[in-house]
Amino acid sequence: MTKNHTFQSDKVHFRKDVVVRKGPPKRLSGPEIADQLDNLVLNETGDGYIGFEEEHNWTHICGIWELPYAKALILMHNINIMHQERNFAESVVSSCLDLPDKTKDNIKA
């Protein structure tokens, strides 16, 4: 973001009643994000993490971090195509074979 971008001073369309003075946050690497997630502590009520919106913006830990290669991913929030293909193939096979618990061919579809 440029230092004099029009959105920074736009109090109506960008951030309501706020003029943005600081730049974007630092882009974290996989190991840096993993360290932050490892150090999260639940608050007393158990519905969030201590330091939310002050030190971090984590609301939950995504299941992709359980994969052994998660720290090495360049785009951390993109789902691996291998898992997408597997899920799609399971849906097609389950629909074709009419497996009652696995089919996606139901009233919600």
PDB file of N, CA and C in Angstrom:
ATOM      1  N   MET A   1       0.850  -1.169   0.000  1.00  0.00           N
ATOM      2  CA  MET A   1       0.000   0.000   0.000  1.00  0.00           C
ATOM      3  C   MET A   1       0.901   1.239   0.000  1.00  0.00           C
ATOM      4  N   THR A   2       0.599   2.175  -0.839  1.00  0.00           N
ATOM      5  CA  THR A   2       1.393   3.393  -0.885  1.00  0.00           C
ATOM      6  C   THR A   2       1.082   4.265   0.318  1.00  0.00           C
ATOM      7  N   LYS A   3       2.004   5.138   0.623  1.00  0.00           N
ATOM      8  CA  LYS A   3       1.840   5.953   1.821  1.00  0.00           C
ATOM      9  C   LYS A   3       0.724   6.977   1.691  1.00  0.00           C
ATOM     10  N   ASN A   4       0.410   7.402   0.487  1.00  0.00           N
ATOM     11  CA  ASN A   4      -0.621   8.416   0.301  1.00  0.00           C
ATOM     12  C   ASN A   4      -1.803   7.862  -0.491  1.00  0.00           C
ATOM     13  N   HIS A   5      -2.215   6.667  -0.180  1.00  0.00           N
ATOM     14  CA  HIS A   5      -3.336   6.067  -0.891  1.00  0.00           C
ATOM     15  C   HIS A   5      -4.641   6.734  -0.455  1.00  0.00           C
ATOM     16  N   THR A   6      -5.578   6.890  -1.397  1.00  0.00           N
ATOM     17  CA  THR A   6      -6.832   7.589  -1.088  1.00  0.00           C
ATOM     18  C   THR A   6      -7.668   6.863  -0.047  1.00  0.00           C
ATOM     19  N   PHE A   7      -7.556   5.547   0.046  1.00  0.00           N
ATOM     20  CA  PHE A   7      -8.332   4.795   1.035  1.00  0.00           C
ATOM     21  C   PHE A   7      -7.927   5.147   2.467  1.00  0.00           C
ATOM     22  N   GLN A   8      -6.678   5.541   2.657  1.00  0.00           N
ATOM     23  CA  GLN A   8      -6.209   5.822   4.013  1.00  0.00           C
ATOM     24  C   GLN A   8      -6.987   6.950   4.675  1.00  0.00           C
ATOM     25  N   SER A   9      -7.384   7.936   3.916  1.00  0.00           N
ATOM     26  CA  SER A   9      -8.106   9.060   4.509  1.00  0.00           C
ATOM     27  C   SER A   9      -9.612   8.977   4.269  1.00  0.00           C
ATOM     28  N   ASP A  10     -10.075   7.904   3.627  1.00  0.00           N
ATOM     29  CA  ASP A  10     -11.502   7.732   3.346  1.00  0.00           C
ATOM     30  C   ASP A  10     -12.192   7.158   4.582  1.00  0.00           C
ATOM     31  N   LYS A  11     -12.934   8.012   5.298  1.00  0.00           N
ATOM     32  CA  LYS A  11     -13.598   7.596   6.538  1.00  0.00           C
ATOM     33  C   LYS A  11     -14.937   6.912   6.293  1.00  0.00           C
ATOM     34  N   VAL A  12     -15.394   6.869   5.046  1.00  0.00           N
ATOM     35  CA  VAL A  12     -16.707   6.306   4.748  1.00  0.00           C
ATOM     36  C   VAL A  12     -16.598   4.902   4.161  1.00  0.00           C
ATOM     37  N   HIS A  13     -15.713   4.714   3.172  1.00  0.00           N
ATOM     38  CA  HIS A  13     -15.695   3.462   2.420  1.00  0.00           C
ATOM     39  C   HIS A  13     -14.627   2.463   2.861  1.00  0.00           C
ATOM     40  N   PHE A  14     -13.586   2.894   3.528  1.00  0.00           N
ATOM     41  CA  PHE A  14     -12.504   1.970   3.881  1.00  0.00           C
ATOM     42  C   PHE A  14     -12.640   1.507   5.322  1.00  0.00           C
ATOM     43  N   ARG A  15     -12.423   2.356   6.276  1.00  0.00           N
ATOM     44  CA  ARG A  15     -12.626   2.059   7.698  1.00  0.00           C
ATOM     45  C   ARG A  15     -13.528   3.146   8.247  1.00  0.00           C
ATOM     46  N   LYS A  16     -14.664   2.773   8.762  1.00  0.00           N
ATOM     47  CA  LYS A  16     -15.655   3.752   9.198  1.00  0.00           C
ATOM     48  C   LYS A  16     -15.104   4.661  10.301  1.00  0.00           C
ATOM     49  N   ASP A  17     -15.119   5.942  10.034  1.00  0.00           N
ATOM     50  CA  ASP A  17     -14.682   6.984  10.969  1.00  0.00           C
ATOM     51  C   ASP A  17     -13.236   6.827  11.436  1.00  0.00           C
ATOM     52  N   VAL A  18     -12.381   6.209  10.610  1.00  0.00           N
ATOM     53  CA  VAL A  18     -10.983   6.004  10.986  1.00  0.00           C
ATOM     54  C   VAL A  18     -10.087   6.435   9.823  1.00  0.00           C
ATOM     55  N   VAL A  19      -9.057   7.198  10.145  1.00  0.00           N
ATOM     56  CA  VAL A  19      -8.031   7.533   9.165  1.00  0.00           C
ATOM     57  C   VAL A  19      -6.858   6.605   9.433  1.00  0.00           C
ATOM     58  N   VAL A  20      -6.451   5.839   8.432  1.00  0.00           N
ATOM     59  CA  VAL A  20      -5.380   4.851   8.595  1.00  0.00           C
ATOM     60  C   VAL A  20      -4.043   5.532   8.368  1.00  0.00           C
ATOM     61  N   ARG A  21      -3.181   5.485   9.369  1.00  0.00           N
ATOM     62  CA  ARG A  21      -1.864   6.121   9.278  1.00  0.00           C
ATOM     63  C   ARG A  21      -0.728   5.117   9.105  1.00  0.00           C
ATOM     64  N   LYS A  22      -0.914   3.897   9.601  1.00  0.00           N
ATOM     65  CA  LYS A  22       0.188   2.934   9.527  1.00  0.00           C
ATOM     66  C   LYS A  22       0.030   2.023   8.319  1.00  0.00           C
ATOM     67  N   GLY A  23       1.110   1.408   7.916  1.00  0.00           N
ATOM     68  CA  GLY A  23       1.122   0.531   6.753  1.00  0.00           C
ATOM     69  C   GLY A  23       0.614  -0.862   7.083  1.00  0.00           C
ATOM     70  N   PRO A  24       0.746  -1.786   6.148  1.00  0.00           N
ATOM     71  CA  PRO A  24       0.277  -3.150   6.367  1.00  0.00           C
ATOM     72  C   PRO A  24       1.137  -3.875   7.391  1.00  0.00           C
ATOM     73  N   PRO A  25       0.604  -4.923   8.007  1.00  0.00           N
ATOM     74  CA  PRO A  25       1.403  -5.693   8.963  1.00  0.00           C
ATOM     75  C   PRO A  25       2.512  -6.466   8.258  1.00  0.00           C
ATOM     76  N   LYS A  26       3.504  -6.861   9.013  1.00  0.00           N
ATOM     77  CA  LYS A  26       4.621  -7.632   8.470  1.00  0.00           C
ATOM     78  C   LYS A  26       4.119  -9.013   8.045  1.00  0.00           C
ATOM     79  N   ARG A  27       4.561  -9.477   6.875  1.00  0.00           N
ATOM     80  CA  ARG A  27       4.189 -10.806   6.401  1.00  0.00           C
ATOM     81  C   ARG A  27       5.025 -11.829   7.170  1.00  0.00           C
ATOM     82  N   LEU A  28       4.351 -12.754   7.848  1.00  0.00           N
ATOM     83  CA  LEU A  28       5.030 -13.750   8.670  1.00  0.00           C
ATOM     84  C   LEU A  28       5.320 -15.002   7.866  1.00  0.00           C
ATOM     85  N   SER A  29       6.424 -15.661   8.202  1.00  0.00           N
ATOM     86  CA  SER A  29       6.768 -16.932   7.567  1.00  0.00           C
ATOM     87  C   SER A  29       6.029 -18.066   8.281  1.00  0.00           C
ATOM     88  N   GLY A  30       6.075 -19.259   7.704  1.00  0.00           N
ATOM     89  CA  GLY A  30       5.422 -20.416   8.297  1.00  0.00           C
ATOM     90  C   GLY A  30       5.883 -20.707   9.716  1.00  0.00           C
ATOM     91  N   PRO A  31       7.201 -20.763   9.964  1.00  0.00           N
ATOM     92  CA  PRO A  31       7.662 -21.016  11.336  1.00  0.00           C
ATOM     93  C   PRO A  31       7.256 -19.925  12.327  1.00  0.00           C
ATOM     94  N   GLU A  32       7.208 -18.660  11.879  1.00  0.00           N
ATOM     95  CA  GLU A  32       6.791 -17.577  12.774  1.00  0.00           C
ATOM     96  C   GLU A  32       5.321 -17.731  13.156  1.00  0.00           C
ATOM     97  N   ILE A  33       4.482 -18.103  12.189  1.00  0.00           N
ATOM     98  CA  ILE A  33       3.064 -18.314  12.490  1.00  0.00           C
ATOM     99  C   ILE A  33       2.891 -19.516  13.408  1.00  0.00           C
ATOM    100  N   ALA A  34       3.636 -20.586  13.141  1.00  0.00           N
ATOM    101  CA  ALA A  34       3.556 -21.783  13.990  1.00  0.00           C
ATOM    102  C   ALA A  34       3.953 -21.459  15.424  1.00  0.00           C
ATOM    103  N   ASP A  35       4.979 -20.616  15.610  1.00  0.00           N
ATOM    104  CA  ASP A  35       5.379 -20.212  16.958  1.00  0.00           C
ATOM    105  C   ASP A  35       4.267 -19.438  17.658  1.00  0.00           C
ATOM    106  N   GLN A  36       3.609 -18.532  16.920  1.00  0.00           N
ATOM    107  CA  GLN A  36       2.494 -17.792  17.515  1.00  0.00           C
ATOM    108  C   GLN A  36       1.373 -18.740  17.940  1.00  0.00           C
ATOM    109  N   LEU A  37       1.053 -19.700  17.075  1.00  0.00           N
ATOM    110  CA  LEU A  37      -0.031 -20.636  17.389  1.00  0.00           C
ATOM    111  C   LEU A  37       0.322 -21.530  18.570  1.00  0.00           C
ATOM    112  N   ASP A  38       1.592 -21.909  18.673  1.00  0.00           N
ATOM    113  CA  ASP A  38       2.017 -22.752  19.796  1.00  0.00           C
ATOM    114  C   ASP A  38       1.936 -22.010  21.134  1.00  0.00           C
ATOM    115  N   ASN A  39       2.040 -20.687  21.087  1.00  0.00           N
ATOM    116  CA  ASN A  39       2.046 -19.896  22.316  1.00  0.00           C
ATOM    117  C   ASN A  39       0.675 -19.327  22.693  1.00  0.00           C
ATOM    118  N   LEU A  40      -0.375 -19.692  21.957  1.00  0.00           N
ATOM    119  CA  LEU A  40      -1.713 -19.200  22.292  1.00  0.00           C
ATOM    120  C   LEU A  40      -2.211 -19.827  23.586  1.00  0.00           C
ATOM    121  N   VAL A  41      -2.883 -19.014  24.405  1.00  0.00           N
ATOM    122  CA  VAL A  41      -3.436 -19.468  25.675  1.00  0.00           C
ATOM    123  C   VAL A  41      -4.910 -19.080  25.695  1.00  0.00           C
ATOM    124  N   LEU A  42      -5.789 -20.061  25.986  1.00  0.00           N
ATOM    125  CA  LEU A  42      -7.225 -19.776  26.075  1.00  0.00           C
ATOM    126  C   LEU A  42      -7.517 -18.854  27.246  1.00  0.00           C
ATOM    127  N   ASN A  43      -8.515 -17.975  27.054  1.00  0.00           N
ATOM    128  CA  ASN A  43      -8.927 -17.119  28.163  1.00  0.00           C
ATOM    129  C   ASN A  43      -9.777 -17.914  29.154  1.00  0.00           C
ATOM    130  N   GLU A  44     -10.207 -17.272  30.227  1.00  0.00           N
ATOM    131  CA  GLU A  44     -10.926 -17.961  31.299  1.00  0.00           C
ATOM    132  C   GLU A  44     -12.233 -18.588  30.826  1.00  0.00           C
ATOM    133  N   THR A  45     -12.939 -17.924  29.915  1.00  0.00           N
ATOM    134  CA  THR A  45     -14.226 -18.440  29.453  1.00  0.00           C
ATOM    135  C   THR A  45     -14.068 -19.540  28.413  1.00  0.00           C
ATOM    136  N   GLY A  46     -12.882 -19.679  27.827  1.00  0.00           N
ATOM    137  CA  GLY A  46     -12.638 -20.737  26.854  1.00  0.00           C
ATOM    138  C   GLY A  46     -13.155 -20.442  25.463  1.00  0.00           C
ATOM    139  N   ASP A  47     -13.581 -19.189  25.211  1.00  0.00           N
ATOM    140  CA  ASP A  47     -14.124 -18.870  23.895  1.00  0.00           C
ATOM    141  C   ASP A  47     -13.205 -17.974  23.059  1.00  0.00           C
ATOM    142  N   GLY A  48     -11.970 -17.819  23.462  1.00  0.00           N
ATOM    143  CA  GLY A  48     -11.019 -16.993  22.725  1.00  0.00           C
ATOM    144  C   GLY A  48      -9.634 -17.137  23.320  1.00  0.00           C
ATOM    145  N   TYR A  49      -8.698 -16.392  22.775  1.00  0.00           N
ATOM    146  CA  TYR A  49      -7.318 -16.470  23.236  1.00  0.00           C
ATOM    147  C   TYR A  49      -6.906 -15.161  23.900  1.00  0.00           C
ATOM    148  N   ILE A  50      -6.078 -15.258  24.921  1.00  0.00           N
ATOM    149  CA  ILE A  50      -5.552 -14.086  25.609  1.00  0.00           C
ATOM    150  C   ILE A  50      -4.712 -13.281  24.630  1.00  0.00           C
ATOM    151  N   GLY A  51      -4.929 -11.971  24.592  1.00  0.00           N
ATOM    152  CA  GLY A  51      -4.175 -11.088  23.705  1.00  0.00           C
ATOM    153  C   GLY A  51      -4.829 -10.858  22.360  1.00  0.00           C
ATOM    154  N   PHE A  52      -6.058 -11.374  22.161  1.00  0.00           N
ATOM    155  CA  PHE A  52      -6.744 -11.199  20.880  1.00  0.00           C
ATOM    156  C   PHE A  52      -6.993  -9.721  20.608  1.00  0.00           C
ATOM    157  N   GLU A  53      -6.712  -9.286  19.402  1.00  0.00           N
ATOM    158  CA  GLU A  53      -6.826  -7.910  18.900  1.00  0.00           C
ATOM    159  C   GLU A  53      -5.840  -6.944  19.550  1.00  0.00           C
ATOM    160  N   GLU A  54      -4.965  -7.413  20.404  1.00  0.00           N
ATOM    161  CA  GLU A  54      -3.919  -6.567  20.974  1.00  0.00           C
ATOM    162  C   GLU A  54      -2.553  -7.037  20.477  1.00  0.00           C
ATOM    163  N   GLU A  55      -2.297  -8.341  20.616  1.00  0.00           N
ATOM    164  CA  GLU A  55      -1.033  -8.918  20.174  1.00  0.00           C
ATOM    165  C   GLU A  55      -1.193  -9.749  18.905  1.00  0.00           C
ATOM    166  N   HIS A  56      -2.390 -10.278  18.677  1.00  0.00           N
ATOM    167  CA  HIS A  56      -2.650 -11.154  17.527  1.00  0.00           C
ATOM    168  C   HIS A  56      -4.129 -11.096  17.179  1.00  0.00           C
ATOM    169  N   ASN A  57      -4.488 -11.719  16.054  1.00  0.00           N
ATOM    170  CA  ASN A  57      -5.897 -11.783  15.637  1.00  0.00           C
ATOM    171  C   ASN A  57      -6.353 -13.223  15.441  1.00  0.00           C
ATOM    172  N   TRP A  58      -5.743 -14.161  16.120  1.00  0.00           N
ATOM    173  CA  TRP A  58      -6.111 -15.567  15.979  1.00  0.00           C
ATOM    174  C   TRP A  58      -7.409 -15.852  16.721  1.00  0.00           C
ATOM    175  N   THR A  59      -8.355 -16.493  16.033  1.00  0.00           N
ATOM    176  CA  THR A  59      -9.608 -16.898  16.670  1.00  0.00           C
ATOM    177  C   THR A  59      -9.700 -18.407  16.810  1.00  0.00           C
ATOM    178  N   HIS A  60      -8.974 -19.156  15.968  1.00  0.00           N
ATOM    179  CA  HIS A  60      -8.932 -20.612  16.061  1.00  0.00           C
ATOM    180  C   HIS A  60      -7.689 -21.114  15.338  1.00  0.00           C
ATOM    181  N   ILE A  61      -7.373 -22.369  15.547  1.00  0.00           N
ATOM    182  CA  ILE A  61      -6.223 -22.982  14.882  1.00  0.00           C
ATOM    183  C   ILE A  61      -6.757 -23.902  13.804  1.00  0.00           C
ATOM    184  N   CYS A  62      -6.423 -23.601  12.571  1.00  0.00           N
ATOM    185  CA  CYS A  62      -6.896 -24.357  11.417  1.00  0.00           C
ATOM    186  C   CYS A  62      -6.281 -25.759  11.408  1.00  0.00           C
ATOM    187  N   GLY A  63      -7.031 -26.721  10.913  1.00  0.00           N
ATOM    188  CA  GLY A  63      -6.561 -28.097  10.849  1.00  0.00           C
ATOM    189  C   GLY A  63      -5.394 -28.311   9.920  1.00  0.00           C
ATOM    190  N   ILE A  64      -5.137 -27.367   9.010  1.00  0.00           N
ATOM    191  CA  ILE A  64      -4.016 -27.534   8.076  1.00  0.00           C
ATOM    192  C   ILE A  64      -2.676 -27.531   8.811  1.00  0.00           C
ATOM    193  N   TRP A  65      -2.636 -26.969  10.014  1.00  0.00           N
ATOM    194  CA  TRP A  65      -1.386 -26.933  10.786  1.00  0.00           C
ATOM    195  C   TRP A  65      -1.004 -28.304  11.325  1.00  0.00           C
ATOM    196  N   GLU A  66      -1.917 -29.271  11.251  1.00  0.00           N
ATOM    197  CA  GLU A  66      -1.589 -30.630  11.683  1.00  0.00           C
ATOM    198  C   GLU A  66      -0.802 -31.390  10.622  1.00  0.00           C
ATOM    199  N   LEU A  67      -0.794 -30.887   9.395  1.00  0.00           N
ATOM    200  CA  LEU A  67      -0.039 -31.533   8.326  1.00  0.00           C
ATOM    201  C   LEU A  67       1.448 -31.351   8.580  1.00  0.00           C
ATOM    202  N   PRO A  68       2.248 -32.381   8.317  1.00  0.00           N
ATOM    203  CA  PRO A  68       3.679 -32.288   8.624  1.00  0.00           C
ATOM    204  C   PRO A  68       4.422 -31.228   7.810  1.00  0.00           C
ATOM    205  N   TYR A  69       3.907 -30.848   6.656  1.00  0.00           N
ATOM    206  CA  TYR A  69       4.582 -29.889   5.801  1.00  0.00           C
ATOM    207  C   TYR A  69       3.961 -28.499   5.861  1.00  0.00           C
ATOM    208  N   ALA A  70       3.103 -28.237   6.824  1.00  0.00           N
ATOM    209  CA  ALA A  70       2.377 -26.963   6.882  1.00  0.00           C
ATOM    210  C   ALA A  70       3.311 -25.766   7.015  1.00  0.00           C
ATOM    211  N   LYS A  71       4.387 -25.894   7.781  1.00  0.00           N
ATOM    212  CA  LYS A  71       5.300 -24.767   7.972  1.00  0.00           C
ATOM    213  C   LYS A  71       6.032 -24.394   6.692  1.00  0.00           C
ATOM    214  N   ALA A  72       6.134 -25.319   5.752  1.00  0.00           N
ATOM    215  CA  ALA A  72       6.875 -25.068   4.517  1.00  0.00           C
ATOM    216  C   ALA A  72       6.019 -24.454   3.418  1.00  0.00           C
ATOM    217  N   LEU A  73       4.697 -24.358   3.624  1.00  0.00           N
ATOM    218  CA  LEU A  73       3.823 -23.802   2.591  1.00  0.00           C
ATOM    219  C   LEU A  73       4.087 -22.316   2.409  1.00  0.00           C
ATOM    220  N   ILE A  74       4.121 -21.875   1.159  1.00  0.00           N
ATOM    221  CA  ILE A  74       4.357 -20.466   0.877  1.00  0.00           C
ATOM    222  C   ILE A  74       3.085 -19.659   1.091  1.00  0.00           C
ATOM    223  N   LEU A  75       1.961 -20.150   0.579  1.00  0.00           N
ATOM    224  CA  LEU A  75       0.675 -19.498   0.786  1.00  0.00           C
ATOM    225  C   LEU A  75      -0.043 -20.256   1.892  1.00  0.00           C
ATOM    226  N   MET A  76       0.036 -19.746   3.095  1.00  0.00           N
ATOM    227  CA  MET A  76      -0.384 -20.498   4.264  1.00  0.00           C
ATOM    228  C   MET A  76      -1.875 -20.817   4.298  1.00  0.00           C
ATOM    229  N   HIS A  77      -2.727 -19.953   3.745  1.00  0.00           N
ATOM    230  CA  HIS A  77      -4.157 -20.162   3.894  1.00  0.00           C
ATOM    231  C   HIS A  77      -4.795 -20.802   2.679  1.00  0.00           C
ATOM    232  N   ASN A  78      -4.004 -21.210   1.700  1.00  0.00           N
ATOM    233  CA  ASN A  78      -4.555 -21.921   0.548  1.00  0.00           C
ATOM    234  C   ASN A  78      -4.618 -23.405   0.867  1.00  0.00           C
ATOM    235  N   ILE A  79      -5.732 -24.025   0.530  1.00  0.00           N
ATOM    236  CA  ILE A  79      -5.888 -25.451   0.767  1.00  0.00           C
ATOM    237  C   ILE A  79      -5.112 -26.206  -0.298  1.00  0.00           C
ATOM    238  N   ASN A  80      -4.405 -27.222   0.119  1.00  0.00           N
ATOM    239  CA  ASN A  80      -3.595 -28.010  -0.797  1.00  0.00           C
ATOM    240  C   ASN A  80      -4.491 -28.671  -1.836  1.00  0.00           C
ATOM    241  N   ILE A  81      -4.097 -28.605  -3.097  1.00  0.00           N
ATOM    242  CA  ILE A  81      -4.909 -29.139  -4.194  1.00  0.00           C
ATOM    243  C   ILE A  81      -5.115 -30.645  -4.060  1.00  0.00           C
ATOM    244  N   MET A  82      -4.164 -31.336  -3.481  1.00  0.00           N
ATOM    245  CA  MET A  82      -4.303 -32.774  -3.282  1.00  0.00           C
ATOM    246  C   MET A  82      -5.535 -33.088  -2.426  1.00  0.00           C
ATOM    247  N   HIS A  83      -5.757 -32.310  -1.375  1.00  0.00           N
ATOM    248  CA  HIS A  83      -6.895 -32.539  -0.504  1.00  0.00           C
ATOM    249  C   HIS A  83      -8.208 -32.169  -1.197  1.00  0.00           C
ATOM    250  N   GLN A  84      -8.186 -31.134  -2.017  1.00  0.00           N
ATOM    251  CA  GLN A  84      -9.379 -30.766  -2.772  1.00  0.00           C
ATOM    252  C   GLN A  84      -9.760 -31.888  -3.738  1.00  0.00           C
ATOM    253  N   GLU A  85      -8.765 -32.440  -4.438  1.00  0.00           N
ATOM    254  CA  GLU A  85      -9.037 -33.514  -5.391  1.00  0.00           C
ATOM    255  C   GLU A  85      -9.595 -34.738  -4.678  1.00  0.00           C
ATOM    256  N   ARG A  86      -9.036 -35.071  -3.540  1.00  0.00           N
ATOM    257  CA  ARG A  86      -9.496 -36.228  -2.782  1.00  0.00           C
ATOM    258  C   ARG A  86     -10.938 -36.040  -2.329  1.00  0.00           C
ATOM    259  N   ASN A  87     -11.250 -34.862  -1.789  1.00  0.00           N
ATOM    260  CA  ASN A  87     -12.611 -34.608  -1.325  1.00  0.00           C
ATOM    261  C   ASN A  87     -13.610 -34.628  -2.474  1.00  0.00           C
ATOM    262  N   PHE A  88     -13.233 -34.072  -3.616  1.00  0.00           N
ATOM    263  CA  PHE A  88     -14.119 -34.074  -4.774  1.00  0.00           C
ATOM    264  C   PHE A  88     -14.345 -35.504  -5.259  1.00  0.00           C
ATOM    265  N   ALA A  89     -13.271 -36.294  -5.339  1.00  0.00           N
ATOM    266  CA  ALA A  89     -13.392 -37.683  -5.795  1.00  0.00           C
ATOM    267  C   ALA A  89     -14.277 -38.486  -4.847  1.00  0.00           C
ATOM    268  N   GLU A  90     -14.127 -38.283  -3.550  1.00  0.00           N
ATOM    269  CA  GLU A  90     -14.986 -38.972  -2.583  1.00  0.00           C
ATOM    270  C   GLU A  90     -16.444 -38.614  -2.781  1.00  0.00           C
ATOM    271  N   SER A  91     -16.733 -37.349  -3.031  1.00  0.00           N
ATOM    272  CA  SER A  91     -18.115 -36.911  -3.237  1.00  0.00           C
ATOM    273  C   SER A  91     -18.722 -37.545  -4.477  1.00  0.00           C
ATOM    274  N   VAL A  92     -17.956 -37.591  -5.575  1.00  0.00           N
ATOM    275  CA  VAL A  92     -18.462 -38.171  -6.820  1.00  0.00           C
ATOM    276  C   VAL A  92     -18.706 -39.665  -6.655  1.00  0.00           C
ATOM    277  N   VAL A  93     -17.749 -40.371  -6.087  1.00  0.00           N
ATOM    278  CA  VAL A  93     -17.888 -41.819  -5.904  1.00  0.00           C
ATOM    279  C   VAL A  93     -19.055 -42.125  -4.962  1.00  0.00           C
ATOM    280  N   SER A  94     -19.179 -41.372  -3.877  1.00  0.00           N
ATOM    281  CA  SER A  94     -20.256 -41.607  -2.925  1.00  0.00           C
ATOM    282  C   SER A  94     -21.624 -41.354  -3.560  1.00  0.00           C
ATOM    283  N   SER A  95     -21.714 -40.335  -4.407  1.00  0.00           N
ATOM    284  CA  SER A  95     -22.982 -40.054  -5.087  1.00  0.00           C
ATOM    285  C   SER A  95     -23.317 -41.137  -6.105  1.00  0.00           C
ATOM    286  N   CYS A  96     -22.305 -41.590  -6.848  1.00  0.00           N
ATOM    287  CA  CYS A  96     -22.537 -42.619  -7.869  1.00  0.00           C
ATOM    288  C   CYS A  96     -22.916 -43.959  -7.253  1.00  0.00           C
ATOM    289  N   LEU A  97     -22.283 -44.306  -6.144  1.00  0.00           N
ATOM    290  CA  LEU A  97     -22.546 -45.591  -5.500  1.00  0.00           C
ATOM    291  C   LEU A  97     -23.697 -45.497  -4.504  1.00  0.00           C
ATOM    292  N   ASP A  98     -24.227 -44.307  -4.318  1.00  0.00           N
ATOM    293  CA  ASP A  98     -25.346 -44.054  -3.414  1.00  0.00           C
ATOM    294  C   ASP A  98     -25.067 -44.574  -2.000  1.00  0.00           C
ATOM    295  N   LEU A  99     -23.895 -44.203  -1.470  1.00  0.00           N
ATOM    296  CA  LEU A  99     -23.546 -44.559  -0.098  1.00  0.00           C
ATOM    297  C   LEU A  99     -24.329 -43.627   0.833  1.00  0.00           C
ATOM    298  N   PRO A 100     -25.156 -44.155   1.727  1.00  0.00           N
ATOM    299  CA  PRO A 100     -26.079 -43.325   2.486  1.00  0.00           C
ATOM    300  C   PRO A 100     -25.418 -42.268   3.370  1.00  0.00           C
ATOM    301  N   ASP A 101     -24.294 -42.575   3.998  1.00  0.00           N
ATOM    302  CA  ASP A 101     -23.665 -41.618   4.914  1.00  0.00           C
ATOM    303  C   ASP A 101     -22.695 -40.682   4.212  1.00  0.00           C
ATOM    304  N   LYS A 102     -22.287 -41.014   3.009  1.00  0.00           N
ATOM    305  CA  LYS A 102     -21.256 -40.233   2.332  1.00  0.00           C
ATOM    306  C   LYS A 102     -21.760 -39.402   1.162  1.00  0.00           C
ATOM    307  N   THR A 103     -22.932 -39.663   0.666  1.00  0.00           N
ATOM    308  CA  THR A 103     -23.400 -38.979  -0.538  1.00  0.00           C
ATOM    309  C   THR A 103     -23.704 -37.508  -0.266  1.00  0.00           C
ATOM    310  N   LYS A 104     -23.442 -36.684  -1.251  1.00  0.00           N
ATOM    311  CA  LYS A 104     -23.779 -35.265  -1.169  1.00  0.00           C
ATOM    312  C   LYS A 104     -25.066 -34.972  -1.916  1.00  0.00           C
ATOM    313  N   ASP A 105     -25.713 -36.016  -2.432  1.00  0.00           N
ATOM    314  CA  ASP A 105     -26.953 -35.877  -3.194  1.00  0.00           C
ATOM    315  C   ASP A 105     -28.123 -35.949  -2.221  1.00  0.00           C
ATOM    316  N   ASN A 106     -28.468 -34.809  -1.619  1.00  0.00           N
ATOM    317  CA  ASN A 106     -29.549 -34.772  -0.643  1.00  0.00           C
ATOM    318  C   ASN A 106     -30.345 -33.474  -0.795  1.00  0.00           C
ATOM    319  N   ILE A 107     -31.268 -33.241   0.094  1.00  0.00           N
ATOM    320  CA  ILE A 107     -32.145 -32.079  -0.007  1.00  0.00           C
ATOM    321  C   ILE A 107     -31.362 -30.768   0.117  1.00  0.00           C
ATOM    322  N   LYS A 108     -30.258 -30.751   0.851  1.00  0.00           N
ATOM    323  CA  LYS A 108     -29.450 -29.539   1.027  1.00  0.00           C
ATOM    324  C   LYS A 108     -28.701 -29.169  -0.256  1.00  0.00           C
ATOM    325  N   ALA A 109     -28.408 -30.163  -1.087  1.00  0.00           N
ATOM    326  CA  ALA A 109     -27.662 -29.898  -2.317  1.00  0.00           C
ATOM    327  C   ALA A 109     -28.529 -29.134  -3.274  1.00  0.00           C
TER     328      ALA A 109
END
